Amino acid sequence: MKKNIKPNEDVPLYKEVMNVKELSKYLGIGKSKIYQLIREKKIPASKIGRQYRFSKQVIDAWLKENLITRENLQYSLDKLFKK
């Protein structure tokens, strides 16, 4: 007989503060891409000692700010082709 396992609502799916490996899994991209974004200062990160940490709340806000909409995609294309 199978038991119905319900997710525990008290345990978040992802931690509030993630390391590179956890962020990689959360975003679905490779760790090397995350390090590249850090070097290019394109992703919000905190460095504690020699390790990077990422606030889930800040990453979620960053994702929302970087949404590609039809309007800003057209702006980016116009800007690209004016050069």
Protein backbone atom coordinates (compact mmCIF):
# COMPACT_ATOMS: atom_id res chain seq x y z
CA MET A 1 0.00 0.00 0.00
CA LYS A 2 1.39 3.40 -1.03
CA LYS A 3 1.31 6.29 1.37
CA ASN A 4 0.28 9.68 0.11
CA ILE A 5 3.20 11.97 0.83
CA LYS A 6 2.25 15.60 0.99
CA PRO A 7 4.88 18.31 0.64
CA ASN A 8 5.67 20.01 3.92
CA GLU A 9 4.53 23.61 3.57
CA ASP A 10 6.94 24.70 6.31
CA VAL A 11 10.00 23.61 4.28
CA PRO A 12 10.73 25.91 1.33
CA LEU A 13 11.49 24.31 -2.04
CA TYR A 14 14.67 26.38 -2.24
CA LYS A 15 16.66 27.94 0.56
CA GLU A 16 16.53 31.71 1.07
CA VAL A 17 20.30 31.94 0.58
CA MET A 18 21.87 29.72 -2.08
CA ASN A 19 25.39 28.87 -3.16
CA VAL A 20 26.48 28.57 -6.82
CA LYS A 21 25.49 24.91 -7.07
CA GLU A 22 22.04 25.53 -5.62
CA LEU A 23 21.51 28.60 -7.80
CA SER A 24 22.55 26.60 -10.85
CA LYS A 25 19.85 24.07 -10.08
CA TYR A 26 17.29 26.80 -9.27
CA LEU A 27 17.88 28.65 -12.55
CA GLY A 28 18.51 25.57 -14.66
CA ILE A 29 21.84 26.84 -15.99
CA GLY A 30 25.40 25.63 -15.56
CA LYS A 31 27.73 26.77 -12.79
CA SER A 32 30.21 28.11 -15.37
CA LYS A 33 27.47 30.39 -16.76
CA ILE A 34 26.77 31.69 -13.25
CA TYR A 35 30.48 32.45 -12.74
CA GLN A 36 30.49 34.24 -16.11
CA LEU A 37 27.49 36.38 -15.06
CA ILE A 38 29.28 37.20 -11.79
CA ARG A 39 32.46 38.28 -13.63
CA GLU A 40 30.38 40.45 -15.96
CA LYS A 41 28.50 41.88 -12.94
CA LYS A 42 25.20 40.87 -14.51
CA ILE A 43 23.81 38.88 -11.59
CA PRO A 44 23.40 40.07 -7.98
CA ALA A 45 25.80 38.14 -5.76
CA SER A 46 27.41 38.48 -2.35
CA LYS A 47 30.87 37.20 -1.64
CA ILE A 48 31.56 35.80 1.80
CA GLY A 49 35.19 34.85 2.08
CA ARG A 50 35.93 32.96 -1.13
CA GLN A 51 32.36 31.80 -1.73
CA TYR A 52 29.44 33.45 -3.50
CA ARG A 53 25.97 33.53 -1.99
CA PHE A 54 22.69 34.52 -3.61
CA SER A 55 19.51 35.72 -1.94
CA LYS A 56 16.50 33.94 -3.45
CA GLN A 57 14.41 37.08 -2.99
CA VAL A 58 17.00 39.24 -4.80
CA ILE A 59 17.43 36.67 -7.59
CA ASP A 60 13.66 36.48 -8.08
CA ALA A 61 13.48 40.30 -8.32
CA TRP A 62 16.45 40.28 -10.73
CA LEU A 63 14.66 37.75 -12.93
CA LYS A 64 11.53 39.92 -13.01
CA GLU A 65 13.57 43.03 -13.88
CA ASN A 66 15.25 41.22 -16.75
CA LEU A 67 12.10 39.97 -18.43
CA ILE A 68 12.22 40.37 -22.17
CA THR A 69 9.05 41.97 -23.40
CA ARG A 70 8.24 42.87 -26.95
CA GLU A 71 8.90 46.56 -26.22
CA ASN A 72 12.35 46.23 -24.65
CA LEU A 73 13.34 43.58 -27.18
CA GLN A 74 12.53 46.04 -29.98
CA TYR A 75 14.46 48.77 -28.13
CA SER A 76 17.46 46.45 -27.84
CA LEU A 77 17.30 45.57 -31.53
CA ASP A 78 16.99 49.24 -32.53
CA LYS A 79 19.95 50.11 -30.31
CA LEU A 80 22.01 47.23 -31.74
CA PHE A 81 21.40 48.15 -35.38
CA LYS A 82 22.02 51.90 -34.89
CA LYS A 83 25.67 51.18 -34.08
